[in-house]
C-alpha atoms as a PDB file:
ATOM      1  CA  MET A   1     158.903  93.890 155.192  1.00  0.00           C
ATOM      2  CA  SER A   2     155.290  94.665 156.815  1.00  0.00           C
ATOM      3  CA  ARG A   3     155.911  91.110 159.314  1.00  0.00           C
ATOM      4  CA  THR A   4     158.288  89.997 161.604  1.00  0.00           C
ATOM      5  CA  THR A   5     158.475  87.743 164.428  1.00  0.00           C
ATOM      6  CA  GLY A   6     157.831  88.572 167.958  1.00  0.00           C
ATOM      7  CA  LYS A   7     159.303  87.514 170.967  1.00  0.00           C
ATOM      8  CA  ASN A   8     156.725  84.424 171.668  1.00  0.00           C
ATOM      9  CA  GLY A   9     157.123  83.244 167.756  1.00  0.00           C
ATOM     10  CA  ASN A  10     153.831  85.413 166.931  1.00  0.00           C
ATOM     11  CA  ASP A  11     153.507  87.108 163.870  1.00  0.00           C
ATOM     12  CA  VAL A  12     153.733  91.232 164.420  1.00  0.00           C
ATOM     13  CA  GLN A  13     152.063  93.239 161.838  1.00  0.00           C
ATOM     14  CA  ARG A  14     153.997  96.602 161.048  1.00  0.00           C
ATOM     15  CA  CYS A  15     154.016  99.320 158.618  1.00  0.00           C
ATOM     16  CA  ALA A  16     156.270  98.783 155.729  1.00  0.00           C
ATOM     17  CA  PHE A  17     156.861 102.660 155.448  1.00  0.00           C
ATOM     18  CA  CYS A  18     157.196 103.754 158.820  1.00  0.00           C
ATOM     19  CA  GLY A  19     157.677 100.071 161.582  1.00  0.00           C
ATOM     20  CA  ARG A  20     155.491 100.707 163.536  1.00  0.00           C
ATOM     21  CA  THR A  21     153.059  97.750 165.343  1.00  0.00           C
ATOM     22  CA  ALA A  22     149.432  97.749 165.087  1.00  0.00           C
ATOM     23  CA  SER A  23     149.833  98.630 168.569  1.00  0.00           C
ATOM     24  CA  GLN A  24     151.707 101.936 168.351  1.00  0.00           C
ATOM     25  CA  VAL A  25     149.096 103.233 165.991  1.00  0.00           C
ATOM     26  CA  LYS A  26     145.118 104.106 165.516  1.00  0.00           C
ATOM     27  CA  ILE A  27     145.223 101.721 162.137  1.00  0.00           C
ATOM     28  CA  LEU A  28     146.958  99.670 160.245  1.00  0.00           C
ATOM     29  CA  MET A  29     145.520  99.042 156.552  1.00  0.00           C
ATOM     30  CA  GLU A  30     146.536  95.470 155.043  1.00  0.00           C
ATOM     31  CA  SER A  31     146.809  95.971 150.925  1.00  0.00           C
ATOM     32  CA  GLU A  32     145.848  92.958 148.878  1.00  0.00           C
ATOM     33  CA  ASN A  33     150.248  91.846 148.539  1.00  0.00           C
ATOM     34  CA  GLY A  34     150.039  91.901 152.893  1.00  0.00           C
ATOM     35  CA  LEU A  35     152.057  94.870 152.965  1.00  0.00           C
ATOM     36  CA  TYR A  36     150.894  96.922 155.951  1.00  0.00           C
ATOM     37  CA  ILE A  37     150.662 101.113 156.356  1.00  0.00           C
ATOM     38  CA  CYS A  38     149.695 102.840 159.078  1.00  0.00           C
ATOM     39  CA  ASP A  39     147.491 105.849 159.275  1.00  0.00           C
ATOM     40  CA  ASN A  40     150.319 108.232 160.369  1.00  0.00           C
ATOM     41  CA  CYS A  41     152.151 107.544 156.994  1.00  0.00           C
ATOM     42  CA  VAL A  42     148.510 107.710 155.122  1.00  0.00           C
ATOM     43  CA  MET A  43     148.720 111.328 156.440  1.00  0.00           C
ATOM     44  CA  GLY A  44     152.211 111.815 155.644  1.00  0.00           C
ATOM     45  CA  CYS A  45     151.334 110.492 152.013  1.00  0.00           C
ATOM     46  CA  ALA A  46     148.405 112.854 151.763  1.00  0.00           C
ATOM     47  CA  GLU A  47     150.345 115.713 152.719  1.00  0.00           C
ATOM     48  CA  ILE A  48     153.002 114.976 150.339  1.00  0.00           C
ATOM     49  CA  ILE A  49     150.569 114.503 147.337  1.00  0.00           C
ATOM     50  CA  ASP A  50     148.618 117.942 148.026  1.00  0.00           C
ATOM     51  CA  GLU A  51     151.781 119.889 148.098  1.00  0.00           C
ATOM     52  CA  GLN A  52     153.335 118.381 145.043  1.00  0.00           C
ATOM     53  CA  TYR A  53     149.871 118.759 143.461  1.00  0.00           C
ATOM     54  CA  MET A  54     149.391 122.871 144.252  1.00  0.00           C
ATOM     55  CA  ASN A  55     153.449 123.179 142.836  1.00  0.00           C
ATOM     56  CA  TYR A  56     152.559 121.333 139.771  1.00  0.00           C
ATOM     57  CA  GLU A  57     152.195 123.919 136.899  1.00  0.00           C
ATOM     58  CA  GLY A  58     148.999 122.942 135.658  1.00  0.00           C
ATOM     59  CA  PHE A  59     147.489 123.655 138.810  1.00  0.00           C
ATOM     60  CA  LYS A  60     149.051 127.440 139.759  1.00  0.00           C
ATOM     61  CA  ASN A  61     147.112 128.297 135.959  1.00  0.00           C
ATOM     62  CA  GLU A  62     144.053 127.289 136.848  1.00  0.00           C
ATOM     63  CA  SER A  63     141.539 129.528 138.194  1.00  0.00           C
ATOM     64  CA  LYS A  64     139.263 129.000 140.418  1.00  0.00           C
ATOM     65  CA  LEU A  65     136.291 130.822 140.293  1.00  0.00           C
ATOM     66  CA  GLY A  66     134.550 132.400 144.053  1.00  0.00           C
ATOM     67  CA  ALA A  67     130.887 132.842 144.822  1.00  0.00           C
ATOM     68  CA  GLU A  68     131.756 136.923 143.311  1.00  0.00           C
ATOM     69  CA  ASP A  69     132.412 135.368 139.830  1.00  0.00           C
ATOM     70  CA  ILE A  70     129.279 133.184 139.355  1.00  0.00           C
ATOM     71  CA  ASN A  71     126.186 134.626 137.950  1.00  0.00           C
ATOM     72  CA  LEU A  72     123.283 132.601 139.793  1.00  0.00           C
ATOM     73  CA  LEU A  73     120.608 132.467 137.856  1.00  0.00           C
ATOM     74  CA  LYS A  74     117.331 132.959 139.735  1.00  0.00           C
ATOM     75  CA  PRO A  75     114.622 129.894 138.720  1.00  0.00           C
ATOM     76  CA  LYS A  76     112.303 131.318 136.315  1.00  0.00           C
ATOM     77  CA  GLU A  77     115.401 132.342 134.724  1.00  0.00           C
ATOM     78  CA  LEU A  78     116.667 128.882 134.658  1.00  0.00           C
ATOM     79  CA  LYS A  79     113.744 127.470 133.376  1.00  0.00           C
ATOM     80  CA  ALA A  80     113.355 129.803 130.974  1.00  0.00           C
ATOM     81  CA  PHE A  81     116.874 128.660 129.243  1.00  0.00           C
ATOM     82  CA  LEU A  82     115.120 125.279 129.413  1.00  0.00           C
ATOM     83  CA  ASP A  83     112.056 126.352 127.899  1.00  0.00           C
ATOM     84  CA  GLU A  84     114.251 126.825 124.437  1.00  0.00           C
ATOM     85  CA  TYR A  85     115.663 123.548 124.631  1.00  0.00           C
ATOM     86  CA  VAL A  86     112.816 121.292 126.167  1.00  0.00           C
ATOM     87  CA  ILE A  87     108.878 120.889 125.070  1.00  0.00           C
ATOM     88  CA  GLY A  88     106.937 119.724 127.606  1.00  0.00           C
ATOM     89  CA  GLN A  89     107.848 118.653 130.898  1.00  0.00           C
ATOM     90  CA  GLU A  90     106.801 121.529 133.034  1.00  0.00           C
ATOM     91  CA  GLU A  91     107.044 119.981 136.337  1.00  0.00           C
ATOM     92  CA  ALA A  92     110.234 118.657 136.143  1.00  0.00           C
ATOM     93  CA  LYS A  93     111.629 121.594 134.714  1.00  0.00           C
ATOM     94  CA  LYS A  94     110.870 124.054 137.471  1.00  0.00           C
ATOM     95  CA  VAL A  95     112.099 121.166 140.393  1.00  0.00           C
ATOM     96  CA  LEU A  96     115.195 120.977 138.354  1.00  0.00           C
ATOM     97  CA  SER A  97     115.121 125.041 138.118  1.00  0.00           C
ATOM     98  CA  VAL A  98     114.531 125.412 141.939  1.00  0.00           C
ATOM     99  CA  SER A  99     117.250 122.349 143.029  1.00  0.00           C
ATOM    100  CA  VAL A 100     119.687 123.863 140.615  1.00  0.00           C
ATOM    101  CA  TYR A 101     119.392 126.957 142.342  1.00  0.00           C
ATOM    102  CA  ASN A 102     119.393 126.015 146.059  1.00  0.00           C
ATOM    103  CA  HIS A 103     122.557 124.065 144.956  1.00  0.00           C
ATOM    104  CA  TYR A 104     124.379 126.434 143.739  1.00  0.00           C
ATOM    105  CA  LYS A 105     122.953 128.676 146.962  1.00  0.00           C
ATOM    106  CA  ARG A 106     124.103 126.148 149.516  1.00  0.00           C
ATOM    107  CA  VAL A 107     127.234 125.568 147.826  1.00  0.00           C
ATOM    108  CA  LEU A 108     128.190 129.146 147.532  1.00  0.00           C
ATOM    109  CA  ALA A 109     126.576 130.131 151.000  1.00  0.00           C
ATOM    110  CA  LYS A 110     128.382 130.080 154.256  1.00  0.00           C
ATOM    111  CA  GLU A 111     127.021 128.948 156.523  1.00  0.00           C
ATOM    112  CA  ASP A 112     127.196 132.055 159.251  1.00  0.00           C
ATOM    113  CA  GLU A 113     126.115 134.463 156.735  1.00  0.00           C
ATOM    114  CA  LEU A 114     122.544 132.749 156.114  1.00  0.00           C
ATOM    115  CA  GLY A 115     122.296 131.731 159.316  1.00  0.00           C
ATOM    116  CA  VAL A 116     120.647 129.080 158.247  1.00  0.00           C
ATOM    117  CA  GLU A 117     121.909 125.776 156.695  1.00  0.00           C
ATOM    118  CA  LEU A 118     120.174 124.768 153.595  1.00  0.00           C
ATOM    119  CA  GLN A 119     119.027 120.808 153.056  1.00  0.00           C
ATOM    120  CA  LYS A 120     120.473 118.884 149.916  1.00  0.00           C
ATOM    121  CA  SER A 121     117.492 118.048 147.852  1.00  0.00           C
ATOM    122  CA  ASN A 122     117.783 115.071 145.496  1.00  0.00           C
ATOM    123  CA  VAL A 123     115.731 115.285 142.609  1.00  0.00           C
ATOM    124  CA  LEU A 124     114.930 111.575 140.821  1.00  0.00           C
ATOM    125  CA  LEU A 125     114.059 111.656 137.118  1.00  0.00           C
ATOM    126  CA  LEU A 126     111.286 108.257 136.346  1.00  0.00           C
ATOM    127  CA  GLY A 127     109.879 108.203 132.835  1.00  0.00           C
ATOM    128  CA  PRO A 128     110.183 106.144 129.728  1.00  0.00           C
ATOM    129  CA  THR A 129     112.897 105.756 127.262  1.00  0.00           C
ATOM    130  CA  GLY A 130     112.379 109.146 125.123  1.00  0.00           C
ATOM    131  CA  SER A 131     110.616 111.289 127.968  1.00  0.00           C
ATOM    132  CA  GLY A 132     114.183 113.343 127.994  1.00  0.00           C
ATOM    133  CA  LYS A 133     115.120 112.503 131.567  1.00  0.00           C
ATOM    134  CA  THR A 134     118.842 112.665 130.249  1.00  0.00           C
ATOM    135  CA  TYR A 135     118.436 115.719 128.523  1.00  0.00           C
ATOM    136  CA  LEU A 136     116.661 117.851 131.096  1.00  0.00           C
END
C-alpha cells in the first residue's frame, strides 16, 4: 500500500517499495494508479537494471568504439563525399560537413585535452518539397 492513515486521521503517502513516508525522502513520485515510489528506490532500481544490462549476453558481445577506432574525416572530405550524391546545395553541404566534423570532434575529445569546450551547434534545414533536406 502506498497510503496509510496517520495518527491524526490524515492519509500518509508511503513508498510502495520501502515504506518510507514523504517526510523521510527527498522525492516521492505518484504513479497513475496511485502508488508512490521514492527517489532512493528509483536509484536502487536503476542500479539493478544497470548491473543486469551489463551482464546481458548481447551487451558483452557489443564492441564499443573508442576515439582511436573512428576515422574522423575532415570537412573537405565530408563535402567531397556529399558531392558524389547531392547535386547543388553547396552552402548546405559545407555547413553540414563542418557541423558533423565539429560534432564528432566534440563527442570524442575530452575537455581537458583541448583546454576548450566545443559548443554544440544546431543546423536548421529549410526549403521546398523535393529540395533534398532529408537526403542531406
